[in-house]
Each structure stands twice: as C-alpha cells, then as structure tokens.
PDB file of N, CA and C in Angstrom:
ATOM      1  N   MET A   1     115.151  91.408 105.323  1.00  0.00           N
ATOM      2  CA  MET A   1     114.843  92.329 104.242  1.00  0.00           C
ATOM      3  C   MET A   1     115.288  93.732 104.653  1.00  0.00           C
ATOM      4  N   LYS A   2     115.720  94.489 103.673  1.00  0.00           N
ATOM      5  CA  LYS A   2     116.201  95.843 103.936  1.00  0.00           C
ATOM      6  C   LYS A   2     115.684  96.796 102.864  1.00  0.00           C
ATOM      7  N   ASN A   3     115.949  98.069 103.054  1.00  0.00           N
ATOM      8  CA  ASN A   3     115.599  99.106 102.080  1.00  0.00           C
ATOM      9  C   ASN A   3     114.134  99.029 101.647  1.00  0.00           C
ATOM     10  N   HIS A   4     113.235  99.122 102.583  1.00  0.00           N
ATOM     11  CA  HIS A   4     111.804  99.105 102.264  1.00  0.00           C
ATOM     12  C   HIS A   4     111.422 100.467 101.675  1.00  0.00           C
ATOM     13  N   THR A   5     110.889 100.447 100.462  1.00  0.00           N
ATOM     14  CA  THR A   5     110.489 101.664  99.764  1.00  0.00           C
ATOM     15  C   THR A   5     108.989 101.624  99.524  1.00  0.00           C
ATOM     16  N   LYS A   6     108.300 102.656 100.001  1.00  0.00           N
ATOM     17  CA  LYS A   6     106.863 102.735  99.775  1.00  0.00           C
ATOM     18  C   LYS A   6     106.628 103.183  98.331  1.00  0.00           C
ATOM     19  N   ILE A   7     105.900 102.365  97.576  1.00  0.00           N
ATOM     20  CA  ILE A   7     105.629 102.651  96.170  1.00  0.00           C
ATOM     21  C   ILE A   7     104.404 103.545  96.041  1.00  0.00           C
ATOM     22  N   PHE A   8     103.323 103.155  96.695  1.00  0.00           N
ATOM     23  CA  PHE A   8     102.172 104.037  96.781  1.00  0.00           C
ATOM     24  C   PHE A   8     101.352 103.692  98.009  1.00  0.00           C
ATOM     25  N   GLU A   9     100.568 104.676  98.451  1.00  0.00           N
ATOM     26  CA  GLU A   9      99.738 104.500  99.641  1.00  0.00           C
ATOM     27  C   GLU A   9      98.352 105.042  99.376  1.00  0.00           C
ATOM     28  N   MET A  10      97.367 104.273  99.833  1.00  0.00           N
ATOM     29  CA  MET A  10      95.968 104.669  99.708  1.00  0.00           C
ATOM     30  C   MET A  10      95.392 104.839 101.106  1.00  0.00           C
ATOM     31  N   GLY A  11      94.703 105.964 101.323  1.00  0.00           N
ATOM     32  CA  GLY A  11      94.066 106.212 102.598  1.00  0.00           C
ATOM     33  C   GLY A  11      92.626 105.741 102.570  1.00  0.00           C
ATOM     34  N   ALA A  12      92.183 105.244 103.690  1.00  0.00           N
ATOM     35  CA  ALA A  12      90.806 104.786 103.826  1.00  0.00           C
ATOM     36  C   ALA A  12      90.297 105.237 105.183  1.00  0.00           C
ATOM     37  N   GLU A  13      88.996 105.221 105.339  1.00  0.00           N
ATOM     38  CA  GLU A  13      88.425 105.589 106.622  1.00  0.00           C
ATOM     39  C   GLU A  13      88.930 104.608 107.675  1.00  0.00           C
ATOM     40  N   GLY A  14      89.740 105.101 108.581  1.00  0.00           N
ATOM     41  CA  GLY A  14      90.241 104.256 109.652  1.00  0.00           C
ATOM     42  C   GLY A  14      91.578 103.586 109.382  1.00  0.00           C
ATOM     43  N   GLY A  15      92.256 103.917 108.299  1.00  0.00           N
ATOM     44  CA  GLY A  15      93.553 103.299 108.064  1.00  0.00           C
ATOM     45  C   GLY A  15      94.113 103.576 106.698  1.00  0.00           C
ATOM     46  N   SER A  16      95.064 102.724 106.294  1.00  0.00           N
ATOM     47  CA  SER A  16      95.697 102.896 104.987  1.00  0.00           C
ATOM     48  C   SER A  16      96.204 101.553 104.466  1.00  0.00           C
ATOM     49  N   ILE A  17      96.427 101.520 103.154  1.00  0.00           N
ATOM     50  CA  ILE A  17      96.975 100.357 102.469  1.00  0.00           C
ATOM     51  C   ILE A  17      98.128 100.869 101.622  1.00  0.00           C
ATOM     52  N   ALA A  18      99.265 100.203 101.694  1.00  0.00           N
ATOM     53  CA  ALA A  18     100.433 100.646 100.932  1.00  0.00           C
ATOM     54  C   ALA A  18     101.123  99.457 100.283  1.00  0.00           C
ATOM     55  N   LEU A  19     101.745  99.712  99.146  1.00  0.00           N
ATOM     56  CA  LEU A  19     102.523  98.715  98.422  1.00  0.00           C
ATOM     57  C   LEU A  19     103.998  99.096  98.567  1.00  0.00           C
ATOM     58  N   TYR A  20     104.833  98.115  98.894  1.00  0.00           N
ATOM     59  CA  TYR A  20     106.250  98.349  99.159  1.00  0.00           C
ATOM     60  C   TYR A  20     107.137  97.474  98.284  1.00  0.00           C
ATOM     61  N   GLN A  21     108.379  97.931  98.127  1.00  0.00           N
ATOM     62  CA  GLN A  21     109.442  97.140  97.536  1.00  0.00           C
ATOM     63  C   GLN A  21     110.532  97.033  98.589  1.00  0.00           C
ATOM     64  N   CYS A  22     111.183  95.867  98.678  1.00  0.00           N
ATOM     65  CA  CYS A  22     112.306  95.701  99.584  1.00  0.00           C
ATOM     66  C   CYS A  22     113.359  94.822  98.912  1.00  0.00           C
ATOM     67  N   ILE A  23     114.524  94.761  99.519  1.00  0.00           N
ATOM     68  CA  ILE A  23     115.665  94.023  98.985  1.00  0.00           C
ATOM     69  C   ILE A  23     116.073  92.957 100.003  1.00  0.00           C
ATOM     70  N   ASP A  24     116.313  91.719  99.538  1.00  0.00           N
ATOM     71  CA  ASP A  24     116.746  90.663 100.455  1.00  0.00           C
ATOM     72  C   ASP A  24     118.275  90.623 100.538  1.00  0.00           C
ATOM     73  N   ALA A  25     118.794  89.672 101.306  1.00  0.00           N
ATOM     74  CA  ALA A  25     120.237  89.556 101.524  1.00  0.00           C
ATOM     75  C   ALA A  25     121.008  89.261 100.242  1.00  0.00           C
ATOM     76  N   LYS A  26     120.331  88.680  99.232  1.00  0.00           N
ATOM     77  CA  LYS A  26     120.966  88.380  97.946  1.00  0.00           C
ATOM     78  C   LYS A  26     120.793  89.513  96.941  1.00  0.00           C
ATOM     79  N   ASN A  27     120.310  90.647  97.408  1.00  0.00           N
ATOM     80  CA  ASN A  27     120.081  91.843  96.592  1.00  0.00           C
ATOM     81  C   ASN A  27     118.960  91.653  95.563  1.00  0.00           C
ATOM     82  N   GLN A  28     117.998  90.796  95.864  1.00  0.00           N
ATOM     83  CA  GLN A  28     116.849  90.588  94.990  1.00  0.00           C
ATOM     84  C   GLN A  28     115.676  91.437  95.473  1.00  0.00           C
ATOM     85  N   GLU A  29     114.903  91.933  94.512  1.00  0.00           N
ATOM     86  CA  GLU A  29     113.743  92.759  94.843  1.00  0.00           C
ATOM     87  C   GLU A  29     112.538  91.888  95.184  1.00  0.00           C
ATOM     88  N   TRP A  30     111.786  92.309  96.181  1.00  0.00           N
ATOM     89  CA  TRP A  30     110.538  91.677  96.593  1.00  0.00           C
ATOM     90  C   TRP A  30     109.505  92.777  96.810  1.00  0.00           C
ATOM     91  N   TYR A  31     108.240  92.426  96.705  1.00  0.00           N
ATOM     92  CA  TYR A  31     107.157  93.388  96.856  1.00  0.00           C
ATOM     93  C   TYR A  31     106.093  92.818  97.792  1.00  0.00           C
ATOM     94  N   TYR A  32     105.429  93.706  98.515  1.00  0.00           N
ATOM     95  CA  TYR A  32     104.361  93.285  99.422  1.00  0.00           C
ATOM     96  C   TYR A  32     103.441  94.465  99.702  1.00  0.00           C
ATOM     97  N   HIS A  33     102.263  94.181 100.233  1.00  0.00           N
ATOM     98  CA  HIS A  33     101.396  95.266 100.674  1.00  0.00           C
ATOM     99  C   HIS A  33     101.189  95.170 102.177  1.00  0.00           C
ATOM    100  N   SER A  34     100.932  96.303 102.756  1.00  0.00           N
ATOM    101  CA  SER A  34     100.762  96.405 104.195  1.00  0.00           C
ATOM    102  C   SER A  34      99.492  97.195 104.486  1.00  0.00           C
ATOM    103  N   THR A  35      98.761  96.754 105.492  1.00  0.00           N
ATOM    104  CA  THR A  35      97.528  97.418 105.893  1.00  0.00           C
ATOM    105  C   THR A  35      97.670  97.875 107.337  1.00  0.00           C
ATOM    106  N   GLN A  36      97.302  99.119 107.585  1.00  0.00           N
ATOM    107  CA  GLN A  36      97.306  99.641 108.949  1.00  0.00           C
ATOM    108  C   GLN A  36      95.910 100.174 109.252  1.00  0.00           C
ATOM    109  N   GLU A  37      95.318  99.643 110.302  1.00  0.00           N
ATOM    110  CA  GLU A  37      94.003 100.100 110.737  1.00  0.00           C
ATOM    111  C   GLU A  37      94.155 100.691 112.127  1.00  0.00           C
ATOM    112  N   ILE A  38      93.569 101.861 112.329  1.00  0.00           N
ATOM    113  CA  ILE A  38      93.689 102.504 113.631  1.00  0.00           C
ATOM    114  C   ILE A  38      92.808 101.796 114.650  1.00  0.00           C
ATOM    115  N   GLY A  39      93.209 101.909 115.894  1.00  0.00           N
ATOM    116  CA  GLY A  39      92.431 101.339 116.978  1.00  0.00           C
ATOM    117  C   GLY A  39      91.623 102.412 117.679  1.00  0.00           C
ATOM    118  N   TYR A  40      90.725 101.985 118.499  1.00  0.00           N
ATOM    119  CA  TYR A  40      89.889 102.892 119.273  1.00  0.00           C
ATOM    120  C   TYR A  40      90.006 102.498 120.738  1.00  0.00           C
ATOM    121  N   GLU A  41      90.921 103.161 121.463  1.00  0.00           N
ATOM    122  CA  GLU A  41      91.171 102.825 122.859  1.00  0.00           C
ATOM    123  C   GLU A  41      89.903 102.914 123.698  1.00  0.00           C
ATOM    124  N   ASP A  42      89.096 103.943 123.459  1.00  0.00           N
ATOM    125  CA  ASP A  42      87.872 104.137 124.244  1.00  0.00           C
ATOM    126  C   ASP A  42      86.916 102.958 124.115  1.00  0.00           C
ATOM    127  N   LEU A  43      86.942 102.291 122.982  1.00  0.00           N
ATOM    128  CA  LEU A  43      86.052 101.163 122.743  1.00  0.00           C
ATOM    129  C   LEU A  43      86.735  99.816 122.970  1.00  0.00           C
ATOM    130  N   GLY A  44      88.005  99.864 123.334  1.00  0.00           N
ATOM    131  CA  GLY A  44      88.750  98.633 123.569  1.00  0.00           C
ATOM    132  C   GLY A  44      89.090  97.866 122.302  1.00  0.00           C
ATOM    133  N   ILE A  45      89.182  98.573 121.167  1.00  0.00           N
ATOM    134  CA  ILE A  45      89.490  97.944 119.884  1.00  0.00           C
ATOM    135  C   ILE A  45      90.938  98.266 119.518  1.00  0.00           C
ATOM    136  N   ALA A  46      91.744  97.241 119.417  1.00  0.00           N
ATOM    137  CA  ALA A  46      93.158  97.441 119.080  1.00  0.00           C
ATOM    138  C   ALA A  46      93.328  97.682 117.582  1.00  0.00           C
ATOM    139  N   GLY A  47      94.337  98.442 117.217  1.00  0.00           N
ATOM    140  CA  GLY A  47      94.665  98.647 115.807  1.00  0.00           C
ATOM    141  C   GLY A  47      95.263  97.378 115.214  1.00  0.00           C
ATOM    142  N   VAL A  48      95.265  97.309 113.897  1.00  0.00           N
ATOM    143  CA  VAL A  48      95.782  96.129 113.209  1.00  0.00           C
ATOM    144  C   VAL A  48      96.816  96.565 112.170  1.00  0.00           C
ATOM    145  N   ASP A  49      97.955  95.916 112.194  1.00  0.00           N
ATOM    146  CA  ASP A  49      98.979  96.097 111.166  1.00  0.00           C
ATOM    147  C   ASP A  49      99.201  94.734 110.531  1.00  0.00           C
ATOM    148  N   LYS A  50      98.894  94.613 109.234  1.00  0.00           N
ATOM    149  CA  LYS A  50      99.051  93.342 108.515  1.00  0.00           C
ATOM    150  C   LYS A  50      99.996  93.544 107.347  1.00  0.00           C
ATOM    151  N   THR A  51     100.797  92.532 107.096  1.00  0.00           N
ATOM    152  CA  THR A  51     101.689  92.549 105.937  1.00  0.00           C
ATOM    153  C   THR A  51     101.443  91.278 105.130  1.00  0.00           C
ATOM    154  N   SER A  52     101.341  91.434 103.822  1.00  0.00           N
ATOM    155  CA  SER A  52     101.105  90.286 102.947  1.00  0.00           C
ATOM    156  C   SER A  52     102.384  89.479 102.777  1.00  0.00           C
ATOM    157  N   LYS A  53     102.251  88.340 102.145  1.00  0.00           N
ATOM    158  CA  LYS A  53     103.427  87.552 101.780  1.00  0.00           C
ATOM    159  C   LYS A  53     104.174  88.275 100.665  1.00  0.00           C
ATOM    160  N   TYR A  54     105.454  88.016 100.558  1.00  0.00           N
ATOM    161  CA  TYR A  54     106.280  88.667  99.545  1.00  0.00           C
ATOM    162  C   TYR A  54     105.983  88.112  98.152  1.00  0.00           C
ATOM    163  N   SER A  55     106.086  88.990  97.163  1.00  0.00           N
ATOM    164  CA  SER A  55     105.899  88.638  95.756  1.00  0.00           C
ATOM    165  C   SER A  55     107.157  88.998  94.995  1.00  0.00           C
ATOM    166  N   ARG A  56     107.386  88.334  93.875  1.00  0.00           N
ATOM    167  CA  ARG A  56     108.584  88.595  93.064  1.00  0.00           C
ATOM    168  C   ARG A  56     108.418  89.788  92.131  1.00  0.00           C
ATOM    169  N   SER A  57     107.172  90.215  91.891  1.00  0.00           N
ATOM    170  CA  SER A  57     106.979  91.351  90.979  1.00  0.00           C
ATOM    171  C   SER A  57     105.967  92.323  91.572  1.00  0.00           C
ATOM    172  N   ILE A  58     106.045  93.553  91.108  1.00  0.00           N
ATOM    173  CA  ILE A  58     105.102  94.569  91.555  1.00  0.00           C
ATOM    174  C   ILE A  58     103.685  94.206  91.102  1.00  0.00           C
ATOM    175  N   GLY A  59     103.564  93.607  89.918  1.00  0.00           N
ATOM    176  CA  GLY A  59     102.252  93.208  89.413  1.00  0.00           C
ATOM    177  C   GLY A  59     101.605  92.146  90.278  1.00  0.00           C
ATOM    178  N   GLU A  60     102.383  91.150  90.675  1.00  0.00           N
ATOM    179  CA  GLU A  60     101.863  90.079  91.531  1.00  0.00           C
ATOM    180  C   GLU A  60     101.437  90.636  92.889  1.00  0.00           C
ATOM    181  N   ALA A  61     102.249  91.526  93.459  1.00  0.00           N
ATOM    182  CA  ALA A  61     101.909  92.135  94.747  1.00  0.00           C
ATOM    183  C   ALA A  61     100.632  92.965  94.630  1.00  0.00           C
ATOM    184  N   TYR A  62     100.498  93.693  93.523  1.00  0.00           N
ATOM    185  CA  TYR A  62      99.292  94.499  93.303  1.00  0.00           C
ATOM    186  C   TYR A  62      98.051  93.605  93.174  1.00  0.00           C
ATOM    187  N   ILE A  63      98.180  92.496  92.442  1.00  0.00           N
ATOM    188  CA  ILE A  63      97.044  91.574  92.276  1.00  0.00           C
ATOM    189  C   ILE A  63      96.622  91.002  93.630  1.00  0.00           C
ATOM    190  N   LYS A  64      97.586  90.655  94.474  1.00  0.00           N
ATOM    191  CA  LYS A  64      97.269  90.169  95.813  1.00  0.00           C
ATOM    192  C   LYS A  64      96.543  91.251  96.623  1.00  0.00           C
ATOM    193  N   MET A  65      97.037  92.483  96.527  1.00  0.00           N
ATOM    194  CA  MET A  65      96.423  93.589  97.251  1.00  0.00           C
ATOM    195  C   MET A  65      95.004  93.815  96.761  1.00  0.00           C
ATOM    196  N   GLN A  66      94.814  93.833  95.454  1.00  0.00           N
ATOM    197  CA  GLN A  66      93.488  94.066  94.888  1.00  0.00           C
ATOM    198  C   GLN A  66      92.555  92.889  95.204  1.00  0.00           C
ATOM    199  N   GLY A  67      93.091  91.684  95.296  1.00  0.00           N
ATOM    200  CA  GLY A  67      92.283  90.538  95.678  1.00  0.00           C
ATOM    201  C   GLY A  67      91.735  90.666  97.090  1.00  0.00           C
ATOM    202  N   GLU A  68      92.523  91.288  97.954  1.00  0.00           N
ATOM    203  CA  GLU A  68      92.091  91.497  99.337  1.00  0.00           C
ATOM    204  C   GLU A  68      91.214  92.738  99.478  1.00  0.00           C
ATOM    205  N   TYR A  69      91.522  93.761  98.699  1.00  0.00           N
ATOM    206  CA  TYR A  69      90.775  95.028  98.738  1.00  0.00           C
ATOM    207  C   TYR A  69      90.400  95.388  97.301  1.00  0.00           C
ATOM    208  N   ASN A  70      89.279  94.870  96.823  1.00  0.00           N
ATOM    209  CA  ASN A  70      88.942  94.997  95.399  1.00  0.00           C
ATOM    210  C   ASN A  70      88.673  96.431  94.945  1.00  0.00           C
ATOM    211  N   ASN A  71      88.501  97.344  95.852  1.00  0.00           N
ATOM    212  CA  ASN A  71      88.281  98.745  95.472  1.00  0.00           C
ATOM    213  C   ASN A  71      89.473  99.628  95.821  1.00  0.00           C
ATOM    214  N   VAL A  72      90.641  99.039  95.948  1.00  0.00           N
ATOM    215  CA  VAL A  72      91.805  99.742  96.477  1.00  0.00           C
ATOM    216  C   VAL A  72      92.114 101.042  95.718  1.00  0.00           C
ATOM    217  N   MET A  73      92.018 101.050  94.414  1.00  0.00           N
ATOM    218  CA  MET A  73      92.362 102.250  93.647  1.00  0.00           C
ATOM    219  C   MET A  73      91.257 103.311  93.714  1.00  0.00           C
ATOM    220  N   SER A  74      90.110 102.956  94.259  1.00  0.00           N
ATOM    221  CA  SER A  74      89.027 103.927  94.443  1.00  0.00           C
ATOM    222  C   SER A  74      89.156 104.668  95.773  1.00  0.00           C
ATOM    223  N   LEU A  75      90.091 104.239  96.609  1.00  0.00           N
ATOM    224  CA  LEU A  75      90.312 104.918  97.883  1.00  0.00           C
ATOM    225  C   LEU A  75      91.082 106.218  97.632  1.00  0.00           C
ATOM    226  N   TYR A  76      91.460 106.925  98.693  1.00  0.00           N
ATOM    227  CA  TYR A  76      92.133 108.215  98.572  1.00  0.00           C
ATOM    228  C   TYR A  76      93.638 108.014  98.364  1.00  0.00           C
ATOM    229  N   PRO A  77      94.167 108.435  97.214  1.00  0.00           N
ATOM    230  CA  PRO A  77      95.610 108.286  96.980  1.00  0.00           C
ATOM    231  C   PRO A  77      96.404 109.272  97.834  1.00  0.00           C
ATOM    232  N   VAL A  78      97.203 108.754  98.739  1.00  0.00           N
ATOM    233  CA  VAL A  78      97.989 109.594  99.644  1.00  0.00           C
ATOM    234  C   VAL A  78      99.312 109.982  98.997  1.00  0.00           C
ATOM    235  N   MET A  79      99.989 108.998  98.407  1.00  0.00           N
ATOM    236  CA  MET A  79     101.271 109.287  97.751  1.00  0.00           C
ATOM    237  C   MET A  79     101.612 108.223  96.730  1.00  0.00           C
ATOM    238  N   VAL A  80     102.395 108.644  95.732  1.00  0.00           N
ATOM    239  CA  VAL A  80     102.957 107.738  94.730  1.00  0.00           C
ATOM    240  C   VAL A  80     104.438 108.094  94.618  1.00  0.00           C
ATOM    241  N   HIS A  81     105.305 107.113  94.786  1.00  0.00           N
ATOM    242  CA  HIS A  81     106.751 107.331  94.687  1.00  0.00           C
ATOM    243  C   HIS A  81     107.098 107.768  93.263  1.00  0.00           C
ATOM    244  N   GLU A  82     107.935 108.751  93.153  1.00  0.00           N
ATOM    245  CA  GLU A  82     108.320 109.326  91.856  1.00  0.00           C
ATOM    246  C   GLU A  82     108.810 108.268  90.864  1.00  0.00           C
ATOM    247  N   ASP A  83     109.610 107.316  91.330  1.00  0.00           N
ATOM    248  CA  ASP A  83     110.187 106.312  90.440  1.00  0.00           C
ATOM    249  C   ASP A  83     109.163 105.305  89.907  1.00  0.00           C
ATOM    250  N   TYR A  84     107.987 105.265  90.518  1.00  0.00           N
ATOM    251  CA  TYR A  84     106.978 104.268  90.148  1.00  0.00           C
ATOM    252  C   TYR A  84     105.716 104.883  89.533  1.00  0.00           C
ATOM    253  N   LYS A  85     105.732 106.176  89.253  1.00  0.00           N
ATOM    254  CA  LYS A  85     104.521 106.855  88.763  1.00  0.00           C
ATOM    255  C   LYS A  85     103.982 106.242  87.471  1.00  0.00           C
ATOM    256  N   TYR A  86     104.851 105.885  86.545  1.00  0.00           N
ATOM    257  CA  TYR A  86     104.391 105.330  85.275  1.00  0.00           C
ATOM    258  C   TYR A  86     103.695 103.991  85.495  1.00  0.00           C
ATOM    259  N   ILE A  87     104.277 103.144  86.348  1.00  0.00           N
ATOM    260  CA  ILE A  87     103.685 101.834  86.627  1.00  0.00           C
ATOM    261  C   ILE A  87     102.336 101.996  87.324  1.00  0.00           C
ATOM    262  N   ILE A  88     102.274 102.862  88.324  1.00  0.00           N
ATOM    263  CA  ILE A  88     101.029 103.051  89.077  1.00  0.00           C
ATOM    264  C   ILE A  88      99.962 103.656  88.172  1.00  0.00           C
ATOM    265  N   LYS A  89     100.346 104.574  87.310  1.00  0.00           N
ATOM    266  CA  LYS A  89      99.376 105.150  86.361  1.00  0.00           C
ATOM    267  C   LYS A  89      98.835 104.061  85.437  1.00  0.00           C
ATOM    268  N   SER A  90      99.689 103.157  84.994  1.00  0.00           N
ATOM    269  CA  SER A  90      99.249 102.044  84.142  1.00  0.00           C
ATOM    270  C   SER A  90      98.286 101.125  84.889  1.00  0.00           C
ATOM    271  N   LEU A  91      98.588 100.809  86.155  1.00  0.00           N
ATOM    272  CA  LEU A  91      97.684  99.992  86.964  1.00  0.00           C
ATOM    273  C   LEU A  91      96.348 100.699  87.174  1.00  0.00           C
ATOM    274  N   LEU A  92      96.400 102.005  87.350  1.00  0.00           N
ATOM    275  CA  LEU A  92      95.177 102.792  87.527  1.00  0.00           C
ATOM    276  C   LEU A  92      94.310 102.748  86.271  1.00  0.00           C
ATOM    277  N   ILE A  93      94.929 102.895  85.117  1.00  0.00           N
ATOM    278  CA  ILE A  93      94.186 102.843  83.849  1.00  0.00           C
ATOM    279  C   ILE A  93      93.555 101.466  83.671  1.00  0.00           C
ATOM    280  N   LEU A  94      94.291 100.406  83.977  1.00  0.00           N
ATOM    281  CA  LEU A  94      93.726  99.055  83.908  1.00  0.00           C
ATOM    282  C   LEU A  94      92.557  98.896  84.868  1.00  0.00           C
ATOM    283  N   TYR A  95      92.702  99.449  86.056  1.00  0.00           N
ATOM    284  CA  TYR A  95      91.656  99.367  87.074  1.00  0.00           C
ATOM    285  C   TYR A  95      90.366 100.033  86.582  1.00  0.00           C
ATOM    286  N   VAL A  96      90.500 101.214  86.007  1.00  0.00           N
ATOM    287  CA  VAL A  96      89.329 101.958  85.538  1.00  0.00           C
ATOM    288  C   VAL A  96      88.702 101.289  84.323  1.00  0.00           C
ATOM    289  N   THR A  97      89.517 100.877  83.360  1.00  0.00           N
ATOM    290  CA  THR A  97      88.984 100.357  82.103  1.00  0.00           C
ATOM    291  C   THR A  97      88.544  98.901  82.186  1.00  0.00           C
ATOM    292  N   HIS A  98      89.338  98.054  82.822  1.00  0.00           N
ATOM    293  CA  HIS A  98      89.007  96.627  82.846  1.00  0.00           C
ATOM    294  C   HIS A  98      88.131  96.232  84.020  1.00  0.00           C
ATOM    295  N   GLU A  99      88.261  96.937  85.129  1.00  0.00           N
ATOM    296  CA  GLU A  99      87.430  96.643  86.294  1.00  0.00           C
ATOM    297  C   GLU A  99      86.171  97.503  86.305  1.00  0.00           C
ATOM    298  N   ASN A 100      86.119  98.503  85.398  1.00  0.00           N
ATOM    299  CA  ASN A 100      84.975  99.414  85.303  1.00  0.00           C
ATOM    300  C   ASN A 100      84.682 100.081  86.644  1.00  0.00           C
ATOM    301  N   LYS A 101      85.734 100.596  87.281  1.00  0.00           N
ATOM    302  CA  LYS A 101      85.621 101.214  88.602  1.00  0.00           C
ATOM    303  C   LYS A 101      85.794 102.723  88.490  1.00  0.00           C
ATOM    304  N   ASP A 102      85.178 103.428  89.412  1.00  0.00           N
ATOM    305  CA  ASP A 102      85.311 104.879  89.488  1.00  0.00           C
ATOM    306  C   ASP A 102      86.488 105.238  90.386  1.00  0.00           C
ATOM    307  N   ILE A 103      87.138 106.343  90.035  1.00  0.00           N
ATOM    308  CA  ILE A 103      88.242 106.851  90.848  1.00  0.00           C
ATOM    309  C   ILE A 103      88.060 108.353  91.033  1.00  0.00           C
ATOM    310  N   ASP A 104      88.792 108.906  91.962  1.00  0.00           N
ATOM    311  CA  ASP A 104      88.819 110.350  92.202  1.00  0.00           C
ATOM    312  C   ASP A 104      89.940 110.926  91.325  1.00  0.00           C
ATOM    313  N   THR A 105      89.582 111.337  90.116  1.00  0.00           N
ATOM    314  CA  THR A 105      90.611 111.782  89.162  1.00  0.00           C
ATOM    315  C   THR A 105      91.382 112.995  89.667  1.00  0.00           C
ATOM    316  N   TYR A 106      90.732 113.880  90.397  1.00  0.00           N
ATOM    317  CA  TYR A 106      91.418 115.065  90.911  1.00  0.00           C
ATOM    318  C   TYR A 106      92.567 114.671  91.840  1.00  0.00           C
ATOM    319  N   ASN A 107      92.277 113.830  92.836  1.00  0.00           N
ATOM    320  CA  ASN A 107      93.318 113.436  93.789  1.00  0.00           C
ATOM    321  C   ASN A 107      94.351 112.505  93.165  1.00  0.00           C
ATOM    322  N   TRP A 108      93.930 111.654  92.224  1.00  0.00           N
ATOM    323  CA  TRP A 108      94.903 110.810  91.523  1.00  0.00           C
ATOM    324  C   TRP A 108      95.835 111.670  90.678  1.00  0.00           C
ATOM    325  N   ALA A 109      95.308 112.671  90.005  1.00  0.00           N
ATOM    326  CA  ALA A 109      96.154 113.567  89.205  1.00  0.00           C
ATOM    327  C   ALA A 109      97.192 114.241  90.103  1.00  0.00           C
ATOM    328  N   ASN A 110      96.762 114.701  91.281  1.00  0.00           N
ATOM    329  CA  ASN A 110      97.706 115.322  92.224  1.00  0.00           C
ATOM    330  C   ASN A 110      98.769 114.336  92.678  1.00  0.00           C
ATOM    331  N   ALA A 111      98.370 113.127  93.028  1.00  0.00           N
ATOM    332  CA  ALA A 111      99.322 112.118  93.506  1.00  0.00           C
ATOM    333  C   ALA A 111     100.331 111.733  92.422  1.00  0.00           C
ATOM    334  N   LEU A 112      99.874 111.746  91.168  1.00  0.00           N
ATOM    335  CA  LEU A 112     100.750 111.390  90.046  1.00  0.00           C
ATOM    336  C   LEU A 112     101.515 112.584  89.485  1.00  0.00           C
ATOM    337  N   GLY A 113     101.243 113.777  90.010  1.00  0.00           N
ATOM    338  CA  GLY A 113     101.914 114.982  89.530  1.00  0.00           C
ATOM    339  C   GLY A 113     101.496 115.368  88.124  1.00  0.00           C
ATOM    340  N   MET A 114     100.211 115.167  87.812  1.00  0.00           N
ATOM    341  CA  MET A 114      99.679 115.450  86.477  1.00  0.00           C
ATOM    342  C   MET A 114      98.575 116.495  86.575  1.00  0.00           C
ATOM    343  N   ASP A 115      98.270 117.100  85.442  1.00  0.00           N
ATOM    344  CA  ASP A 115      97.059 117.907  85.316  1.00  0.00           C
ATOM    345  C   ASP A 115      95.869 116.965  85.285  1.00  0.00           C
ATOM    346  N   ILE A 116      94.767 117.369  85.869  1.00  0.00           N
ATOM    347  CA  ILE A 116      93.579 116.514  85.858  1.00  0.00           C
ATOM    348  C   ILE A 116      93.110 116.257  84.427  1.00  0.00           C
ATOM    349  N   SER A 117      93.209 117.254  83.565  1.00  0.00           N
ATOM    350  CA  SER A 117      92.788 117.066  82.171  1.00  0.00           C
ATOM    351  C   SER A 117      93.675 116.050  81.459  1.00  0.00           C
ATOM    352  N   GLU A 118      94.968 116.041  81.784  1.00  0.00           N
ATOM    353  CA  GLU A 118      95.900 115.081  81.188  1.00  0.00           C
ATOM    354  C   GLU A 118      95.543 113.652  81.606  1.00  0.00           C
ATOM    355  N   LEU A 119      95.227 113.447  82.889  1.00  0.00           N
ATOM    356  CA  LEU A 119      94.842 112.118  83.366  1.00  0.00           C
ATOM    357  C   LEU A 119      93.508 111.693  82.756  1.00  0.00           C
ATOM    358  N   GLU A 120      92.550 112.597  82.705  1.00  0.00           N
ATOM    359  CA  GLU A 120      91.250 112.270  82.102  1.00  0.00           C
ATOM    360  C   GLU A 120      91.394 111.894  80.646  1.00  0.00           C
ATOM    361  N   GLU A 121      92.284 112.584  79.919  1.00  0.00           N
ATOM    362  CA  GLU A 121      92.539 112.276  78.519  1.00  0.00           C
ATOM    363  C   GLU A 121      93.135 110.879  78.372  1.00  0.00           C
ATOM    364  N   GLU A 122      94.085 110.526  79.231  1.00  0.00           N
ATOM    365  CA  GLU A 122      94.681 109.183  79.163  1.00  0.00           C
ATOM    366  C   GLU A 122      93.655 108.099  79.479  1.00  0.00           C
ATOM    367  N   LEU A 123      92.754 108.386  80.397  1.00  0.00           N
ATOM    368  CA  LEU A 123      91.717 107.415  80.741  1.00  0.00           C
ATOM    369  C   LEU A 123      90.712 107.212  79.594  1.00  0.00           C
ATOM    370  N   LYS A 124      90.525 108.241  78.777  1.00  0.00           N
ATOM    371  CA  LYS A 124      89.605 108.150  77.639  1.00  0.00           C
ATOM    372  C   LYS A 124      90.192 107.348  76.476  1.00  0.00           C
ATOM    373  N   LYS A 125      91.524 107.322  76.383  1.00  0.00           N
ATOM    374  CA  LYS A 125      92.190 106.661  75.255  1.00  0.00           C
ATOM    375  C   LYS A 125      91.948 105.168  75.216  1.00  0.00           C
ATOM    376  N   ILE A 126      91.760 104.566  76.335  1.00  0.00           N
ATOM    377  CA  ILE A 126      91.664 103.110  76.396  1.00  0.00           C
ATOM    378  C   ILE A 126      90.244 102.658  76.121  1.00  0.00           C
TER     379      ILE A 126
END
C-alpha cells in the first residue's frame, strides 16, 4: 500500500485514533483506522500501535472504528483533511443525531474550519 493520507484524527487521553486512505498496487482506494497509545517506561508499560483491516469505503472503515471506539467522535478532534471535511461533517451530524451523543462543538468547528454558530445550526437542522 502507498500514499497513506490521514483523513481525520481524534486525540484521547494517552493516545489517538485516526482514519486513513491508501492506494494499492492496482490504484484502488482502501481505508483503515489506526490507534496509537503511549507507553509508560517508568511503569514498564509498552505503547500500542494497532491498525484495523482494510475497508473498501470510508463509511465501512468509520463503522469499524466506531464499533471499536463507540464514543470516537466525542473525543478531541485534532485534524480533518481539507478534502474530506464534508464527509466528516456528515458523519459527525449522524453521530450526534442518530447516536444521541455529545460533542465538543467548539473544537469540531475549528477542526472543520467553520464558525461554531454555523456548525450548531447544521446540527439543529436534523
């Protein structure tokens, strides 16, 4: 696999979760999520880097990620790739409305490059 592009990353206490897109030798797109947990040398606890199995669509990869971390969109949004902002915003709206979950609208608005009032308005529409 080549050309790994980070679509979005969520920070959590002690690590992060990110969704990626990559290209295979046949020039087909694949998606996966990766988890990085920091280690604590003083306590003898090694860090963990895990990568999920590849998915054919961003939606399937997101569902796998959310299945493993059901509160993933409630974590701290670190970054959202410019080319994927519309898709991630749509997933966020689904997360809030259908999963009935709380999010940090201020930090999500910043990650999506939106005004907080604009994001709050979109969340109210659904």
